[in-house]
Amino acid sequence: MIKILAIGDVIGRPGRHALSQGLAHFREQYQPDFVVVNGENIAGGFGITKKIFEDLIGNLAIDCVTMGNHWMDKKDIHEFKDHPKIVLPANMSNVDEPAKGVRLLETKSGVRVAVMNLLGKVFMKGENSSPFDMADKMLDLVPSYCKVRLLDIHAEATSEKQGMAQHFAGRLSAVYGTHSHVPTADERILKNHTGFVTDIGMTGPYDSVIGIDAVAAVRRMRTGEKKNFEPAKNDLWFYGILFEISEETGACHGVHRLRLPVKDS
């Protein structure tokens, strides 16, 4: 049995602080074999930079970084978008091939892990293809000997995330939602095989509107003002999900919500 820690959307500098503190805490407590982080909001709330990515996989020893609709918001993404530890949403119109949406990686003990990333269509901008159809294509890229298979479905609608989980129940080890930045309390195992939670929630400032400074967010809602958003700074929390998965069958045997308050940086 291996332990996989999946961490929800990390929001800007405050989220990176919460990530480092929470990761150290839960590594000591659970000793996960593999850690995957959603990094599409990790640089100022929008996108990811090369420096931050290198810090994640270097200093924090993150095994894999998944993305989402903001994956292109920082220009230097093109310098490292083909790195084997970054996974792009394969069905997004600006991702040119399915192979960039699935990565085959290994734990330190040599267990193969496939990580996939898809974008929802419901309430999401852009002419993106069906995540259901694309996931089938991506599964074809995963060799049969790789039993541990994860999917980060970055989507707005809870129904679409749950639909993806039901569609792939029994074929994937874990399906988990990101993007809404709101943690859900519905962790479960589908068909005695696939661990699932509708949304992990964000790692970052909860005294906010989904991570963004509340005053600015409410002002835009009321007036339509288009000033740039900044991440909030207070009430930091780490949110993650710990999946316990058989490396022999790929079946998930445990799904545990993890959360931790973190002192503001």
C-alpha atoms as a PDB file:
ATOM      1  CA  MET A   1       0.000   0.000   0.000  1.00  0.00           C
ATOM      2  CA  ILE A   2       1.320   3.445  -0.880  1.00  0.00           C
ATOM      3  CA  LYS A   3       0.182   6.834   0.419  1.00  0.00           C
ATOM      4  CA  ILE A   4      -0.447   9.632  -2.050  1.00  0.00           C
ATOM      5  CA  LEU A   5      -0.958  13.191  -0.826  1.00  0.00           C
ATOM      6  CA  ALA A   6      -2.883  15.453  -3.226  1.00  0.00           C
ATOM      7  CA  ILE A   7      -2.902  19.154  -2.331  1.00  0.00           C
ATOM      8  CA  GLY A   8      -5.493  21.641  -3.543  1.00  0.00           C
ATOM      9  CA  ASP A   9      -4.940  24.926  -5.395  1.00  0.00           C
ATOM     10  CA  VAL A  10      -2.080  26.877  -3.800  1.00  0.00           C
ATOM     11  CA  ILE A  11      -2.856  30.618  -3.828  1.00  0.00           C
ATOM     12  CA  GLY A  12       0.077  32.998  -4.249  1.00  0.00           C
ATOM     13  CA  ARG A  13       2.797  33.686  -1.701  1.00  0.00           C
ATOM     14  CA  PRO A  14       0.490  33.117   1.303  1.00  0.00           C
ATOM     15  CA  GLY A  15      -0.454  29.735  -0.146  1.00  0.00           C
ATOM     16  CA  ARG A  16       3.172  28.807  -0.678  1.00  0.00           C
ATOM     17  CA  HIS A  17       3.844  29.563   2.992  1.00  0.00           C
ATOM     18  CA  ALA A  18       0.865  27.413   4.026  1.00  0.00           C
ATOM     19  CA  LEU A  19       2.068  24.677   1.676  1.00  0.00           C
ATOM     20  CA  SER A  20       5.559  24.500   3.150  1.00  0.00           C
ATOM     21  CA  GLN A  21       4.287  24.478   6.732  1.00  0.00           C
ATOM     22  CA  GLY A  22       1.459  22.005   6.161  1.00  0.00           C
ATOM     23  CA  LEU A  23       3.586  19.710   4.034  1.00  0.00           C
ATOM     24  CA  ALA A  24       6.249  19.446   6.725  1.00  0.00           C
ATOM     25  CA  HIS A  25       3.578  18.644   9.321  1.00  0.00           C
ATOM     26  CA  PHE A  26       1.806  15.942   7.341  1.00  0.00           C
ATOM     27  CA  ARG A  27       5.005  14.401   6.000  1.00  0.00           C
ATOM     28  CA  GLU A  28       6.082  13.823   9.579  1.00  0.00           C
ATOM     29  CA  GLN A  29       2.671  12.446  10.530  1.00  0.00           C
ATOM     30  CA  TYR A  30       1.883  10.231   7.511  1.00  0.00           C
ATOM     31  CA  GLN A  31       5.107   9.861   5.487  1.00  0.00           C
ATOM     32  CA  PRO A  32       3.427   9.967   2.048  1.00  0.00           C
ATOM     33  CA  ASP A  33       5.171   8.134  -0.788  1.00  0.00           C
ATOM     34  CA  PHE A  34       4.101  10.617  -3.474  1.00  0.00           C
ATOM     35  CA  VAL A  35       2.994  14.269  -3.338  1.00  0.00           C
ATOM     36  CA  VAL A  36       1.083  16.081  -6.074  1.00  0.00           C
ATOM     37  CA  VAL A  37       0.171  19.779  -5.908  1.00  0.00           C
ATOM     38  CA  ASN A  38      -2.138  21.908  -8.051  1.00  0.00           C
ATOM     39  CA  GLY A  39      -0.002  24.936  -8.966  1.00  0.00           C
ATOM     40  CA  GLU A  40      -2.077  26.967 -11.407  1.00  0.00           C
ATOM     41  CA  ASN A  41      -2.629  29.827  -8.912  1.00  0.00           C
ATOM     42  CA  ILE A  42       0.686  29.650  -7.113  1.00  0.00           C
ATOM     43  CA  ALA A  43       2.327  32.796  -8.589  1.00  0.00           C
ATOM     44  CA  GLY A  44       0.412  35.875  -7.451  1.00  0.00           C
ATOM     45  CA  GLY A  45      -2.843  33.937  -7.734  1.00  0.00           C
ATOM     46  CA  PHE A  46      -2.549  33.303 -11.474  1.00  0.00           C
ATOM     47  CA  GLY A  47      -0.148  30.882 -13.177  1.00  0.00           C
ATOM     48  CA  ILE A  48       3.267  29.574 -12.177  1.00  0.00           C
ATOM     49  CA  THR A  49       6.839  30.784 -12.733  1.00  0.00           C
ATOM     50  CA  LYS A  50       9.952  28.762 -13.408  1.00  0.00           C
ATOM     51  CA  LYS A  51      11.516  29.851 -10.119  1.00  0.00           C
ATOM     52  CA  ILE A  52       8.489  28.705  -8.118  1.00  0.00           C
ATOM     53  CA  PHE A  53       8.243  25.435 -10.032  1.00  0.00           C
ATOM     54  CA  GLU A  54      11.908  24.672  -9.370  1.00  0.00           C
ATOM     55  CA  ASP A  55      11.413  25.447  -5.675  1.00  0.00           C
ATOM     56  CA  LEU A  56       8.450  23.037  -5.548  1.00  0.00           C
ATOM     57  CA  ILE A  57      10.253  20.091  -7.098  1.00  0.00           C
ATOM     58  CA  GLY A  58      13.587  20.962  -5.501  1.00  0.00           C
ATOM     59  CA  ASN A  59      13.353  22.416  -1.992  1.00  0.00           C
ATOM     60  CA  LEU A  60       9.882  21.016  -1.227  1.00  0.00           C
ATOM     61  CA  ALA A  61      10.478  17.692  -3.036  1.00  0.00           C
ATOM     62  CA  ILE A  62       7.064  17.773  -4.735  1.00  0.00           C
ATOM     63  CA  ASP A  63       6.728  14.800  -7.095  1.00  0.00           C
ATOM     64  CA  CYS A  64       4.249  16.338  -9.557  1.00  0.00           C
ATOM     65  CA  VAL A  65       2.512  19.662 -10.280  1.00  0.00           C
ATOM     66  CA  THR A  66      -0.883  19.721 -11.992  1.00  0.00           C
ATOM     67  CA  MET A  67      -2.330  22.852 -13.582  1.00  0.00           C
ATOM     68  CA  GLY A  68      -5.630  24.312 -14.831  1.00  0.00           C
ATOM     69  CA  ASN A  69      -7.164  27.121 -16.857  1.00  0.00           C
ATOM     70  CA  HIS A  70      -4.515  29.665 -15.747  1.00  0.00           C
ATOM     71  CA  TRP A  71      -1.567  27.514 -16.824  1.00  0.00           C
ATOM     72  CA  MET A  72      -0.394  30.066 -19.429  1.00  0.00           C
ATOM     73  CA  ASP A  73      -0.760  33.207 -17.293  1.00  0.00           C
ATOM     74  CA  LYS A  74       2.990  33.558 -16.747  1.00  0.00           C
ATOM     75  CA  LYS A  75       5.099  33.789 -19.916  1.00  0.00           C
ATOM     76  CA  ASP A  76       8.031  31.727 -18.711  1.00  0.00           C
ATOM     77  CA  ILE A  77       5.809  28.621 -18.502  1.00  0.00           C
ATOM     78  CA  HIS A  78       7.001  27.886 -22.044  1.00  0.00           C
ATOM     79  CA  GLU A  79      10.514  27.312 -20.698  1.00  0.00           C
ATOM     80  CA  PHE A  80       9.421  24.319 -18.604  1.00  0.00           C
ATOM     81  CA  LYS A  81       5.958  23.209 -19.742  1.00  0.00           C
ATOM     82  CA  ASP A  82       7.448  19.967 -21.096  1.00  0.00           C
ATOM     83  CA  HIS A  83       9.140  19.065 -17.822  1.00  0.00           C
ATOM     84  CA  PRO A  84       8.150  15.508 -16.804  1.00  0.00           C
ATOM     85  CA  LYS A  85       6.861  16.694 -13.418  1.00  0.00           C
ATOM     86  CA  ILE A  86       4.348  19.232 -14.713  1.00  0.00           C
ATOM     87  CA  VAL A  87       0.959  18.143 -16.084  1.00  0.00           C
ATOM     88  CA  LEU A  88      -1.195  20.385 -18.274  1.00  0.00           C
ATOM     89  CA  PRO A  89      -4.994  20.108 -18.729  1.00  0.00           C
ATOM     90  CA  ALA A  90      -4.966  17.907 -21.819  1.00  0.00           C
ATOM     91  CA  ASN A  91      -8.342  18.915 -23.232  1.00  0.00           C
ATOM     92  CA  MET A  92      -7.752  22.666 -23.063  1.00  0.00           C
ATOM     93  CA  SER A  93      -7.671  24.289 -26.507  1.00  0.00           C
ATOM     94  CA  ASN A  94      -4.160  25.696 -25.970  1.00  0.00           C
ATOM     95  CA  VAL A  95      -2.628  22.296 -25.119  1.00  0.00           C
ATOM     96  CA  ASP A  96      -1.480  20.699 -28.357  1.00  0.00           C
ATOM     97  CA  GLU A  97      -1.326  16.990 -27.472  1.00  0.00           C
ATOM     98  CA  PRO A  98      -2.890  14.567 -24.966  1.00  0.00           C
ATOM     99  CA  ALA A  99       0.532  13.343 -23.844  1.00  0.00           C
ATOM    100  CA  LYS A 100       1.115  16.654 -22.043  1.00  0.00           C
ATOM    101  CA  GLY A 101      -1.869  15.857 -19.838  1.00  0.00           C
ATOM    102  CA  VAL A 102      -0.486  12.607 -18.436  1.00  0.00           C
ATOM    103  CA  ARG A 103       2.860  11.902 -16.786  1.00  0.00           C
ATOM    104  CA  LEU A 104       4.333   8.570 -15.756  1.00  0.00           C
ATOM    105  CA  LEU A 105       6.351   8.991 -12.583  1.00  0.00           C
ATOM    106  CA  GLU A 106       7.735   6.857  -9.763  1.00  0.00           C
ATOM    107  CA  THR A 107       7.808   6.868  -5.990  1.00  0.00           C
ATOM    108  CA  LYS A 108      11.175   6.582  -4.273  1.00  0.00           C
ATOM    109  CA  SER A 109      10.525   2.864  -3.851  1.00  0.00           C
ATOM    110  CA  GLY A 110       9.941   2.446  -7.597  1.00  0.00           C
ATOM    111  CA  VAL A 111       6.128   2.259  -7.749  1.00  0.00           C
ATOM    112  CA  ARG A 112       4.853   3.687 -11.044  1.00  0.00           C
ATOM    113  CA  VAL A 113       2.248   6.459 -10.792  1.00  0.00           C
ATOM    114  CA  ALA A 114       0.318   7.990 -13.686  1.00  0.00           C
ATOM    115  CA  VAL A 115      -0.967  11.538 -13.082  1.00  0.00           C
ATOM    116  CA  MET A 116      -3.558  13.065 -15.410  1.00  0.00           C
ATOM    117  CA  ASN A 117      -4.987  16.585 -15.602  1.00  0.00           C
ATOM    118  CA  LEU A 118      -8.205  17.694 -17.313  1.00  0.00           C
ATOM    119  CA  LEU A 119     -10.354  20.816 -17.478  1.00  0.00           C
ATOM    120  CA  GLY A 120     -14.122  20.840 -17.111  1.00  0.00           C
ATOM    121  CA  LYS A 121     -16.357  22.332 -19.809  1.00  0.00           C
ATOM    122  CA  VAL A 122     -19.342  23.504 -17.746  1.00  0.00           C
ATOM    123  CA  PHE A 123     -19.103  27.247 -16.905  1.00  0.00           C
ATOM    124  CA  MET A 124     -15.484  27.331 -18.119  1.00  0.00           C
ATOM    125  CA  LYS A 125     -14.214  29.711 -20.800  1.00  0.00           C
ATOM    126  CA  GLY A 126     -12.728  28.559 -24.091  1.00  0.00           C
ATOM    127  CA  GLU A 127     -13.469  26.040 -26.804  1.00  0.00           C
ATOM    128  CA  ASN A 128     -12.160  23.071 -24.891  1.00  0.00           C
ATOM    129  CA  SER A 129     -12.826  19.466 -25.850  1.00  0.00           C
ATOM    130  CA  SER A 130     -14.753  16.943 -23.773  1.00  0.00           C
ATOM    131  CA  PRO A 131     -12.842  15.857 -20.664  1.00  0.00           C
ATOM    132  CA  PHE A 132     -14.618  12.479 -20.871  1.00  0.00           C
ATOM    133  CA  ASP A 133     -13.394  11.763 -24.396  1.00  0.00           C
ATOM    134  CA  MET A 134      -9.905  13.104 -23.697  1.00  0.00           C
ATOM    135  CA  ALA A 135      -9.527  10.987 -20.554  1.00  0.00           C
ATOM    136  CA  ASP A 136     -10.203   7.858 -22.585  1.00  0.00           C
ATOM    137  CA  LYS A 137      -7.381   8.868 -24.959  1.00  0.00           C
ATOM    138  CA  MET A 138      -5.070   9.588 -22.055  1.00  0.00           C
ATOM    139  CA  LEU A 139      -5.746   6.218 -20.468  1.00  0.00           C
ATOM    140  CA  ASP A 140      -4.529   4.606 -23.675  1.00  0.00           C
ATOM    141  CA  LEU A 141      -1.153   6.246 -23.000  1.00  0.00           C
ATOM    142  CA  VAL A 142      -0.824   4.575 -19.595  1.00  0.00           C
ATOM    143  CA  PRO A 143       0.867   1.154 -19.739  1.00  0.00           C
ATOM    144  CA  SER A 144      -0.988  -1.745 -18.151  1.00  0.00           C
ATOM    145  CA  TYR A 145       1.785  -2.323 -15.616  1.00  0.00           C
ATOM    146  CA  CYS A 146       1.154   1.137 -14.122  1.00  0.00           C
ATOM    147  CA  LYS A 147      -1.714   0.386 -11.738  1.00  0.00           C
ATOM    148  CA  VAL A 148      -1.748   3.602  -9.705  1.00  0.00           C
ATOM    149  CA  ARG A 149      -3.620   6.219 -11.745  1.00  0.00           C
ATOM    150  CA  LEU A 150      -4.675   9.686 -10.587  1.00  0.00           C
ATOM    151  CA  LEU A 151      -6.853  12.362 -12.179  1.00  0.00           C
ATOM    152  CA  ASP A 152      -7.031  16.030 -11.179  1.00  0.00           C
ATOM    153  CA  ILE A 153     -10.278  17.294 -12.754  1.00  0.00           C
ATOM    154  CA  HIS A 154     -10.043  21.088 -12.674  1.00  0.00           C
ATOM    155  CA  ALA A 155     -13.660  22.115 -13.053  1.00  0.00           C
ATOM    156  CA  GLU A 156     -16.283  24.601 -11.909  1.00  0.00           C
ATOM    157  CA  ALA A 157     -19.366  22.376 -11.670  1.00  0.00           C
ATOM    158  CA  THR A 158     -19.583  19.828  -8.877  1.00  0.00           C
ATOM    159  CA  SER A 159     -21.847  17.689 -11.063  1.00  0.00           C
ATOM    160  CA  GLU A 160     -19.194  17.467 -13.784  1.00  0.00           C
ATOM    161  CA  LYS A 161     -16.504  16.444 -11.303  1.00  0.00           C
ATOM    162  CA  GLN A 162     -18.768  13.754  -9.907  1.00  0.00           C
ATOM    163  CA  GLY A 163     -19.694  12.666 -13.421  1.00  0.00           C
ATOM    164  CA  MET A 164     -16.032  12.196 -14.274  1.00  0.00           C
ATOM    165  CA  ALA A 165     -15.519  10.133 -11.126  1.00  0.00           C
ATOM    166  CA  GLN A 166     -18.485   7.894 -11.917  1.00  0.00           C
ATOM    167  CA  HIS A 167     -17.396   7.505 -15.543  1.00  0.00           C
ATOM    168  CA  PHE A 168     -13.946   6.299 -14.503  1.00  0.00           C
ATOM    169  CA  ALA A 169     -14.873   4.452 -11.317  1.00  0.00           C
ATOM    170  CA  GLY A 170     -12.992   1.164 -11.321  1.00  0.00           C
ATOM    171  CA  ARG A 171     -10.481   2.368 -13.914  1.00  0.00           C
ATOM    172  CA  LEU A 172      -8.637   5.058 -11.950  1.00  0.00           C
ATOM    173  CA  SER A 173      -7.198   4.839  -8.453  1.00  0.00           C
ATOM    174  CA  ALA A 174      -8.277   8.351  -7.510  1.00  0.00           C
ATOM    175  CA  VAL A 175     -10.242  11.229  -9.002  1.00  0.00           C
ATOM    176  CA  TYR A 176     -10.242  14.552  -7.204  1.00  0.00           C
ATOM    177  CA  GLY A 177     -11.581  17.992  -8.029  1.00  0.00           C
ATOM    178  CA  THR A 178      -9.754  21.307  -7.967  1.00  0.00           C
ATOM    179  CA  HIS A 179     -10.509  24.890  -9.133  1.00  0.00           C
ATOM    180  CA  SER A 180     -13.462  25.954  -6.971  1.00  0.00           C
ATOM    181  CA  HIS A 181     -11.171  26.580  -3.948  1.00  0.00           C
ATOM    182  CA  VAL A 182     -13.954  25.349  -1.655  1.00  0.00           C
ATOM    183  CA  PRO A 183     -13.358  22.039   0.183  1.00  0.00           C
ATOM    184  CA  THR A 184     -16.134  19.471   0.060  1.00  0.00           C
ATOM    185  CA  ALA A 185     -16.900  16.843   2.705  1.00  0.00           C
ATOM    186  CA  ASP A 186     -17.831  13.951   0.403  1.00  0.00           C
ATOM    187  CA  GLU A 187     -14.688  11.825   0.304  1.00  0.00           C
ATOM    188  CA  ARG A 188     -15.520   8.225  -0.576  1.00  0.00           C
ATOM    189  CA  ILE A 189     -14.501   5.168  -2.596  1.00  0.00           C
ATOM    190  CA  LEU A 190     -16.441   4.285  -5.757  1.00  0.00           C
ATOM    191  CA  LYS A 191     -16.890   0.661  -6.861  1.00  0.00           C
ATOM    192  CA  ASN A 192     -14.444  -0.437  -4.165  1.00  0.00           C
ATOM    193  CA  HIS A 193     -11.645   0.972  -6.294  1.00  0.00           C
ATOM    194  CA  THR A 194     -11.634   4.722  -7.004  1.00  0.00           C
ATOM    195  CA  GLY A 195     -11.040   7.260  -4.251  1.00  0.00           C
ATOM    196  CA  PHE A 196     -12.914  10.511  -4.815  1.00  0.00           C
ATOM    197  CA  VAL A 197     -13.607  13.955  -3.405  1.00  0.00           C
ATOM    198  CA  THR A 198     -15.489  16.647  -5.339  1.00  0.00           C
ATOM    199  CA  ASP A 199     -13.001  19.380  -4.411  1.00  0.00           C
ATOM    200  CA  ILE A 200      -9.924  19.328  -2.199  1.00  0.00           C
ATOM    201  CA  GLY A 201     -10.191  23.044  -1.432  1.00  0.00           C
ATOM    202  CA  MET A 202      -7.422  25.603  -1.617  1.00  0.00           C
ATOM    203  CA  THR A 203      -4.193  25.966   0.307  1.00  0.00           C
ATOM    204  CA  GLY A 204      -4.013  29.630   1.153  1.00  0.00           C
ATOM    205  CA  PRO A 205      -5.906  32.543   2.746  1.00  0.00           C
ATOM    206  CA  TYR A 206      -9.498  31.803   3.760  1.00  0.00           C
ATOM    207  CA  ASP A 207     -10.271  35.367   4.930  1.00  0.00           C
ATOM    208  CA  SER A 208     -11.009  36.104   1.287  1.00  0.00           C
ATOM    209  CA  VAL A 209     -13.235  35.367  -1.671  1.00  0.00           C
ATOM    210  CA  ILE A 210     -11.788  32.057  -2.922  1.00  0.00           C
ATOM    211  CA  GLY A 211      -8.299  33.307  -2.071  1.00  0.00           C
ATOM    212  CA  ILE A 212      -8.612  36.835  -3.475  1.00  0.00           C
ATOM    213  CA  ASP A 213      -8.692  40.022  -1.392  1.00  0.00           C
ATOM    214  CA  ALA A 214     -12.330  40.261  -0.317  1.00  0.00           C
ATOM    215  CA  VAL A 215     -12.716  44.040  -0.741  1.00  0.00           C
ATOM    216  CA  ALA A 216     -11.496  43.928  -4.338  1.00  0.00           C
ATOM    217  CA  ALA A 217     -13.561  40.827  -5.161  1.00  0.00           C
ATOM    218  CA  VAL A 218     -16.789  42.289  -3.774  1.00  0.00           C
ATOM    219  CA  ARG A 219     -16.121  45.609  -5.527  1.00  0.00           C
ATOM    220  CA  ARG A 220     -15.875  43.837  -8.867  1.00  0.00           C
ATOM    221  CA  MET A 221     -19.053  41.884  -8.185  1.00  0.00           C
ATOM    222  CA  ARG A 222     -20.943  45.094  -7.381  1.00  0.00           C
ATOM    223  CA  THR A 223     -19.482  47.499  -9.961  1.00  0.00           C
ATOM    224  CA  GLY A 224     -17.785  45.417 -12.661  1.00  0.00           C
ATOM    225  CA  GLU A 225     -14.495  47.194 -11.999  1.00  0.00           C
ATOM    226  CA  LYS A 226     -11.603  45.391 -13.712  1.00  0.00           C
ATOM    227  CA  LYS A 227      -8.619  46.227 -11.486  1.00  0.00           C
ATOM    228  CA  ASN A 228      -6.078  43.461 -11.033  1.00  0.00           C
ATOM    229  CA  PHE A 229      -6.779  40.999  -8.236  1.00  0.00           C
ATOM    230  CA  GLU A 230      -4.290  40.227  -5.469  1.00  0.00           C
ATOM    231  CA  PRO A 231      -4.319  37.214  -3.160  1.00  0.00           C
ATOM    232  CA  ALA A 232      -5.543  37.820   0.377  1.00  0.00           C
ATOM    233  CA  LYS A 233      -3.088  37.335   3.246  1.00  0.00           C
ATOM    234  CA  ASN A 234      -4.894  36.192   6.379  1.00  0.00           C
ATOM    235  CA  ASP A 235      -6.352  33.013   7.901  1.00  0.00           C
ATOM    236  CA  LEU A 236      -4.048  30.564   6.140  1.00  0.00           C
ATOM    237  CA  TRP A 237      -4.973  26.894   5.830  1.00  0.00           C
ATOM    238  CA  PHE A 238      -3.398  23.845   4.245  1.00  0.00           C
ATOM    239  CA  TYR A 239      -5.856  21.460   2.558  1.00  0.00           C
ATOM    240  CA  GLY A 240      -5.094  18.049   1.100  1.00  0.00           C
ATOM    241  CA  ILE A 241      -6.375  14.527   0.580  1.00  0.00           C
ATOM    242  CA  LEU A 242      -4.440  11.400   1.521  1.00  0.00           C
ATOM    243  CA  PHE A 243      -5.195   8.377  -0.651  1.00  0.00           C
ATOM    244  CA  GLU A 244      -4.087   4.882   0.363  1.00  0.00           C
ATOM    245  CA  ILE A 245      -3.681   2.826  -2.805  1.00  0.00           C
ATOM    246  CA  SER A 246      -2.579  -0.722  -3.568  1.00  0.00           C
ATOM    247  CA  GLU A 247       0.388  -0.693  -5.917  1.00  0.00           C
ATOM    248  CA  GLU A 248      -0.547  -4.201  -7.060  1.00  0.00           C
ATOM    249  CA  THR A 249      -4.184  -3.584  -8.068  1.00  0.00           C
ATOM    250  CA  GLY A 250      -4.453   0.207  -8.174  1.00  0.00           C
ATOM    251  CA  ALA A 251      -7.472   0.072  -5.848  1.00  0.00           C
ATOM    252  CA  CYS A 252      -7.927   2.831  -3.287  1.00  0.00           C
ATOM    253  CA  HIS A 253      -8.481   1.586   0.261  1.00  0.00           C
ATOM    254  CA  GLY A 254      -8.566   4.872   2.128  1.00  0.00           C
ATOM    255  CA  VAL A 255      -9.455   8.534   1.539  1.00  0.00           C
ATOM    256  CA  HIS A 256      -8.668  11.030   4.285  1.00  0.00           C
ATOM    257  CA  ARG A 257      -9.238  14.794   4.320  1.00  0.00           C
ATOM    258  CA  LEU A 258      -6.323  16.726   5.800  1.00  0.00           C
ATOM    259  CA  ARG A 259      -6.442  20.339   6.926  1.00  0.00           C
ATOM    260  CA  LEU A 260      -4.225  22.469   9.083  1.00  0.00           C
ATOM    261  CA  PRO A 261      -4.361  26.124  10.193  1.00  0.00           C
ATOM    262  CA  VAL A 262      -1.079  27.892   9.536  1.00  0.00           C
ATOM    263  CA  LYS A 263       0.227  31.048  11.188  1.00  0.00           C
ATOM    264  CA  ASP A 264       0.273  33.959   8.760  1.00  0.00           C
ATOM    265  CA  SER A 265       3.692  34.596   7.257  1.00  0.00           C
END
